[in-house]
Amino acid sequence: MPALLPAPLHRALLPLAHGMRHSWRRWRKVPIAGVSIIITNLGGDVLLLRHSYGPDVWGLPGGGINRGEEPEAAARREVREELGIELARLEPIGTLEEVLSGSPHTAHLFAAICNQHPRPDGREVVEARFFPSHSLPEPLGRTTRARIAAWKARGTG
């Protein structure tokens, strides 16, 4: 129940939880699934964010899919929880099969256009900004780079 914890304490505990989750995945190697959403504004700029845990890189909004949850519902939930944005339309881009933390991972990719300003939750996400798609910031996460490449390959970016 993260809402019961003060945001600074929640942010302080997330790196520990993140490390434990990755160790568990490396040990168990259970298949997992998640979502990533490439959100652009009306000018075509891409929304990237920084998490309070994990590698210090720019990444895409997204996260894990809960048991029984559809990928589109998970994408909408993650964007709402992390950034305070309600997406009107989501376009499925496809899936990527990869290995994440030693476990087989299916990444469901979506694209959306948004005319709202992100409001990072201050817990998981500490910064979120739009960047021109031809001039993305560094360091850009490895998985983020692969997902943006898949989006651009479809001709949507």
Protein backbone atom coordinates (compact mmCIF):
# COMPACT_ATOMS: atom_id res chain seq x y z
CA MET A 1 0.00 0.00 0.00
CA PRO A 2 2.41 2.67 -1.20
CA ALA A 3 -0.13 5.48 -0.77
CA LEU A 4 0.12 5.00 2.99
CA LEU A 5 3.86 5.67 2.95
CA PRO A 6 5.17 9.22 2.68
CA ALA A 7 6.62 9.81 -0.81
CA PRO A 8 10.25 10.25 0.39
CA LEU A 9 10.14 6.92 2.26
CA HIS A 10 8.48 5.22 -0.69
CA ARG A 11 11.22 6.55 -3.03
CA ALA A 12 13.90 5.36 -0.60
CA LEU A 13 12.45 1.82 -0.48
CA LEU A 14 11.90 1.41 -4.24
CA PRO A 15 15.57 0.70 -5.11
CA LEU A 16 15.63 -2.12 -2.54
CA ALA A 17 12.37 -3.60 -3.87
CA HIS A 18 13.66 -3.22 -7.45
CA GLY A 19 16.85 -5.13 -6.62
CA MET A 20 14.96 -7.89 -4.85
CA ARG A 21 12.55 -8.26 -7.78
CA HIS A 22 15.43 -8.60 -10.25
CA SER A 23 17.20 -11.20 -8.06
CA TRP A 24 13.96 -13.17 -7.81
CA ARG A 25 13.51 -13.10 -11.59
CA ARG A 26 17.10 -14.23 -12.22
CA TRP A 27 16.59 -17.15 -9.84
CA ARG A 28 13.07 -18.21 -10.93
CA LYS A 29 13.22 -17.38 -14.68
CA VAL A 30 9.40 -17.27 -14.77
CA PRO A 31 7.99 -15.65 -17.92
CA ILE A 32 6.72 -12.10 -17.30
CA ALA A 33 4.84 -9.53 -19.37
CA GLY A 34 4.71 -5.76 -19.35
CA VAL A 35 3.71 -2.70 -21.32
CA SER A 36 5.53 0.32 -22.71
CA ILE A 37 3.75 3.33 -24.13
CA ILE A 38 5.26 5.76 -26.62
CA ILE A 39 3.34 8.95 -25.94
CA THR A 40 3.75 11.93 -28.23
CA ASN A 41 2.34 15.41 -27.92
CA LEU A 42 0.55 17.21 -30.76
CA GLY A 43 3.93 18.38 -32.09
CA GLY A 44 5.31 14.84 -32.29
CA ASP A 45 7.65 15.13 -29.28
CA VAL A 46 8.16 11.91 -27.26
CA LEU A 47 7.42 11.69 -23.54
CA LEU A 48 10.29 10.21 -21.53
CA LEU A 49 10.68 9.84 -17.81
CA ARG A 50 13.16 9.06 -15.06
CA HIS A 51 12.36 6.56 -12.34
CA SER A 52 13.36 6.89 -8.70
CA TYR A 53 14.87 3.37 -8.88
CA GLY A 54 16.86 1.26 -11.33
CA PRO A 55 19.38 2.60 -13.82
CA ASP A 56 19.66 6.39 -14.10
CA VAL A 57 18.39 6.53 -17.69
CA TRP A 58 15.51 8.09 -19.59
CA GLY A 59 12.73 5.58 -20.20
CA LEU A 60 9.19 5.17 -21.42
CA PRO A 61 6.05 5.02 -19.32
CA GLY A 62 4.97 1.48 -18.59
CA GLY A 63 5.20 -1.41 -16.20
CA GLY A 64 4.02 -4.89 -15.41
CA ILE A 65 0.71 -6.49 -16.29
CA ASN A 66 -1.27 -7.67 -13.28
CA ARG A 67 -2.72 -11.18 -13.21
CA GLY A 68 -5.92 -11.24 -15.29
CA GLU A 69 -5.31 -7.72 -16.66
CA GLU A 70 -5.37 -7.03 -20.40
CA PRO A 71 -2.28 -5.27 -21.84
CA GLU A 72 -4.27 -2.19 -22.91
CA ALA A 73 -5.80 -1.83 -19.45
CA ALA A 74 -2.32 -2.15 -17.89
CA ALA A 75 -0.98 0.56 -20.22
CA ARG A 76 -3.79 2.94 -19.27
CA ARG A 77 -3.34 2.17 -15.56
CA GLU A 78 0.43 2.72 -15.60
CA VAL A 79 0.13 6.09 -17.39
CA ARG A 80 -2.63 7.21 -15.02
CA GLU A 81 -0.74 6.10 -11.88
CA GLU A 82 2.71 7.35 -12.85
CA LEU A 83 1.85 10.52 -14.79
CA GLY A 84 -1.75 11.50 -14.00
CA ILE A 85 -2.72 11.25 -17.68
CA GLU A 86 -5.90 9.68 -19.03
CA LEU A 87 -5.29 8.48 -22.58
CA ALA A 88 -8.16 8.80 -25.04
CA ARG A 89 -6.78 6.34 -27.60
CA LEU A 90 -4.09 3.69 -27.56
CA GLU A 91 -2.74 2.13 -30.72
CA PRO A 92 -1.16 -1.33 -30.37
CA ILE A 93 2.27 -1.39 -32.03
CA GLY A 94 3.13 -5.02 -31.38
CA THR A 95 5.17 -7.12 -28.99
CA LEU A 96 8.85 -7.68 -28.38
CA GLU A 97 10.17 -10.94 -26.95
CA GLU A 98 13.21 -10.26 -24.79
CA VAL A 99 14.97 -11.25 -21.60
CA LEU A 100 14.50 -8.94 -18.63
CA SER A 101 16.39 -9.63 -15.41
CA GLY A 102 17.11 -13.15 -16.62
CA SER A 103 13.43 -13.97 -17.25
CA PRO A 104 11.64 -14.31 -20.60
CA HIS A 105 9.67 -11.09 -21.08
CA THR A 106 6.92 -10.12 -23.50
CA ALA A 107 6.73 -6.35 -23.95
CA HIS A 108 3.41 -5.10 -25.32
CA LEU A 109 4.03 -1.79 -27.10
CA PHE A 110 1.45 0.95 -27.53
CA ALA A 111 1.45 4.44 -29.03
CA ALA A 112 -0.72 7.37 -27.94
CA ILE A 113 -1.04 11.09 -28.57
CA CYS A 114 -1.58 13.31 -25.58
CA ASN A 115 -2.33 17.01 -25.17
CA GLN A 116 -1.82 16.98 -21.38
CA HIS A 117 1.25 17.81 -19.33
CA PRO A 118 2.59 14.88 -17.31
CA ARG A 119 2.37 15.11 -13.53
CA PRO A 120 4.97 12.65 -12.17
CA ASP A 121 3.74 10.81 -9.09
CA GLY A 122 6.91 11.74 -7.14
CA ARG A 123 7.22 8.14 -6.02
CA GLU A 124 8.10 5.91 -8.99
CA VAL A 125 8.58 8.75 -11.45
CA VAL A 126 10.61 11.80 -10.48
CA GLU A 127 10.79 13.58 -13.86
CA ALA A 128 8.83 13.45 -17.13
CA ARG A 129 9.31 15.64 -20.20
CA PHE A 130 8.63 15.71 -23.91
CA PHE A 131 11.65 15.62 -26.27
CA PRO A 132 11.87 15.99 -30.07
CA SER A 133 11.95 12.46 -31.55
CA HIS A 134 15.07 13.37 -33.56
CA SER A 135 16.92 14.61 -30.44
CA LEU A 136 16.29 12.25 -27.54
CA PRO A 137 18.27 12.74 -24.32
CA GLU A 138 21.11 10.58 -23.08
CA PRO A 139 21.50 8.31 -21.39
CA LEU A 140 18.60 6.51 -23.01
CA GLY A 141 17.80 3.05 -21.66
CA ARG A 142 18.67 0.03 -23.83
CA THR A 143 15.10 -1.30 -23.79
CA THR A 144 13.74 2.20 -24.44
CA ARG A 145 15.99 2.51 -27.50
CA ALA A 146 14.72 -0.85 -28.85
CA ARG A 147 11.08 0.09 -28.28
CA ILE A 148 11.41 3.49 -29.94
CA ALA A 149 13.14 1.79 -32.90
CA ALA A 150 10.17 -0.62 -33.23
CA TRP A 151 7.78 2.36 -33.11
CA LYS A 152 9.74 4.27 -35.76
CA ALA A 153 9.97 1.15 -37.96
CA ARG A 154 6.16 1.10 -38.13
CA GLY A 155 6.21 4.57 -39.63
CA THR A 156 4.48 6.15 -36.64
CA GLY A 157 7.49 8.05 -35.36
